[in-house]
Amino acid sequence: MIWIYVVGVVAILFGIYQMVNSYKYVKVIQHHGNKTTSNFSALTVWYSFIFGLGITILGIVLIVTKGVFF
């Protein structure tokens, strides 16, 4: 049962890490982006942030529900 909490905390930390990296990548694109920057960079950042948010929410759900759904 303790593993549910461990997995939840790890998921929250990974999700936050992913969202912070998405934000950092936006800053890199803003400062160094030019005509050769891919048009799909915005989609990459957006989906990366959404993935991190989803993993964070999953970790919170695991901790709050104590793994009842899994």
C-alpha atoms as a PDB file:
ATOM      1  CA  MET A   1       0.000   0.000   0.000  1.00  0.00           C
ATOM      2  CA  ILE A   2       2.913   2.339   0.620  1.00  0.00           C
ATOM      3  CA  TRP A   3       3.922   1.873  -3.022  1.00  0.00           C
ATOM      4  CA  ILE A   4       0.827   3.771  -4.143  1.00  0.00           C
ATOM      5  CA  TYR A   5       2.081   6.843  -2.257  1.00  0.00           C
ATOM      6  CA  VAL A   6       5.595   6.433  -3.644  1.00  0.00           C
ATOM      7  CA  VAL A   7       4.302   6.125  -7.204  1.00  0.00           C
ATOM      8  CA  GLY A   8       2.017   9.122  -6.629  1.00  0.00           C
ATOM      9  CA  VAL A   9       4.840  11.332  -5.379  1.00  0.00           C
ATOM     10  CA  VAL A  10       7.140  10.233  -8.193  1.00  0.00           C
ATOM     11  CA  ALA A  11       4.389  10.964 -10.735  1.00  0.00           C
ATOM     12  CA  ILE A  12       3.833  14.441  -9.266  1.00  0.00           C
ATOM     13  CA  LEU A  13       7.553  15.205  -9.336  1.00  0.00           C
ATOM     14  CA  PHE A  14       7.918  13.928 -12.910  1.00  0.00           C
ATOM     15  CA  GLY A  15       4.895  15.961 -14.035  1.00  0.00           C
ATOM     16  CA  ILE A  16       6.260  19.145 -12.479  1.00  0.00           C
ATOM     17  CA  TYR A  17       9.664  18.451 -14.035  1.00  0.00           C
ATOM     18  CA  GLN A  18       8.018  18.036 -17.434  1.00  0.00           C
ATOM     19  CA  MET A  19       6.052  21.284 -17.121  1.00  0.00           C
ATOM     20  CA  VAL A  20       9.160  23.223 -16.045  1.00  0.00           C
ATOM     21  CA  ASN A  21      11.099  21.853 -19.018  1.00  0.00           C
ATOM     22  CA  SER A  22       8.260  22.901 -21.328  1.00  0.00           C
ATOM     23  CA  TYR A  23       8.441  26.432 -19.947  1.00  0.00           C
ATOM     24  CA  LYS A  24      12.229  26.505 -20.382  1.00  0.00           C
ATOM     25  CA  TYR A  25      11.882  25.344 -23.988  1.00  0.00           C
ATOM     26  CA  VAL A  26       9.436  28.188 -24.677  1.00  0.00           C
ATOM     27  CA  LYS A  27      12.062  30.646 -23.435  1.00  0.00           C
ATOM     28  CA  VAL A  28      14.711  29.046 -25.666  1.00  0.00           C
ATOM     29  CA  ILE A  29      12.436  29.295 -28.694  1.00  0.00           C
ATOM     30  CA  GLN A  30      11.604  32.922 -27.926  1.00  0.00           C
ATOM     31  CA  HIS A  31      15.260  33.926 -27.725  1.00  0.00           C
ATOM     32  CA  HIS A  32      16.841  31.707 -30.369  1.00  0.00           C
ATOM     33  CA  GLY A  33      13.988  30.928 -32.749  1.00  0.00           C
ATOM     34  CA  ASN A  34      14.290  32.062 -36.345  1.00  0.00           C
ATOM     35  CA  LYS A  35      13.085  31.023 -39.796  1.00  0.00           C
ATOM     36  CA  THR A  36      14.719  27.608 -39.481  1.00  0.00           C
ATOM     37  CA  THR A  37      12.784  26.764 -36.303  1.00  0.00           C
ATOM     38  CA  SER A  38      10.232  24.038 -36.936  1.00  0.00           C
ATOM     39  CA  ASN A  39       6.596  25.047 -37.197  1.00  0.00           C
ATOM     40  CA  PHE A  40       5.717  22.123 -34.949  1.00  0.00           C
ATOM     41  CA  SER A  41       7.680  23.491 -31.979  1.00  0.00           C
ATOM     42  CA  ALA A  42       4.580  25.129 -30.532  1.00  0.00           C
ATOM     43  CA  LEU A  43       2.690  21.833 -30.674  1.00  0.00           C
ATOM     44  CA  THR A  44       5.609  20.063 -29.056  1.00  0.00           C
ATOM     45  CA  VAL A  45       5.664  22.492 -26.144  1.00  0.00           C
ATOM     46  CA  TRP A  46       1.886  22.428 -25.739  1.00  0.00           C
ATOM     47  CA  TYR A  47       1.596  18.627 -25.685  1.00  0.00           C
ATOM     48  CA  SER A  48       4.632  18.329 -23.445  1.00  0.00           C
ATOM     49  CA  PHE A  49       3.006  20.674 -20.931  1.00  0.00           C
ATOM     50  CA  ILE A  50      -0.337  18.823 -21.138  1.00  0.00           C
ATOM     51  CA  PHE A  51       1.458  15.502 -20.607  1.00  0.00           C
ATOM     52  CA  GLY A  52       3.172  16.872 -17.505  1.00  0.00           C
ATOM     53  CA  LEU A  53      -0.120  18.243 -16.196  1.00  0.00           C
ATOM     54  CA  GLY A  54      -1.811  14.882 -16.764  1.00  0.00           C
ATOM     55  CA  ILE A  55       0.920  12.972 -14.952  1.00  0.00           C
ATOM     56  CA  THR A  56       0.719  15.449 -12.051  1.00  0.00           C
ATOM     57  CA  ILE A  57      -3.044  15.001 -11.816  1.00  0.00           C
ATOM     58  CA  LEU A  58      -2.604  11.223 -11.937  1.00  0.00           C
ATOM     59  CA  GLY A  59      -0.164  11.398  -9.026  1.00  0.00           C
ATOM     60  CA  ILE A  60      -2.581  13.520  -7.002  1.00  0.00           C
ATOM     61  CA  VAL A  61      -5.419  11.107  -7.710  1.00  0.00           C
ATOM     62  CA  LEU A  62      -3.257   8.170  -6.617  1.00  0.00           C
ATOM     63  CA  ILE A  63      -2.425   9.829  -3.321  1.00  0.00           C
ATOM     64  CA  VAL A  64      -5.914  11.133  -2.550  1.00  0.00           C
ATOM     65  CA  THR A  65      -7.823   7.957  -3.443  1.00  0.00           C
ATOM     66  CA  LYS A  66      -5.100   5.671  -2.042  1.00  0.00           C
ATOM     67  CA  GLY A  67      -5.080   3.684  -5.255  1.00  0.00           C
ATOM     68  CA  VAL A  68      -8.737   2.574  -5.037  1.00  0.00           C
ATOM     69  CA  PHE A  69      -9.151   2.791  -8.811  1.00  0.00           C
ATOM     70  CA  PHE A  70      -5.975   0.836  -9.592  1.00  0.00           C
END
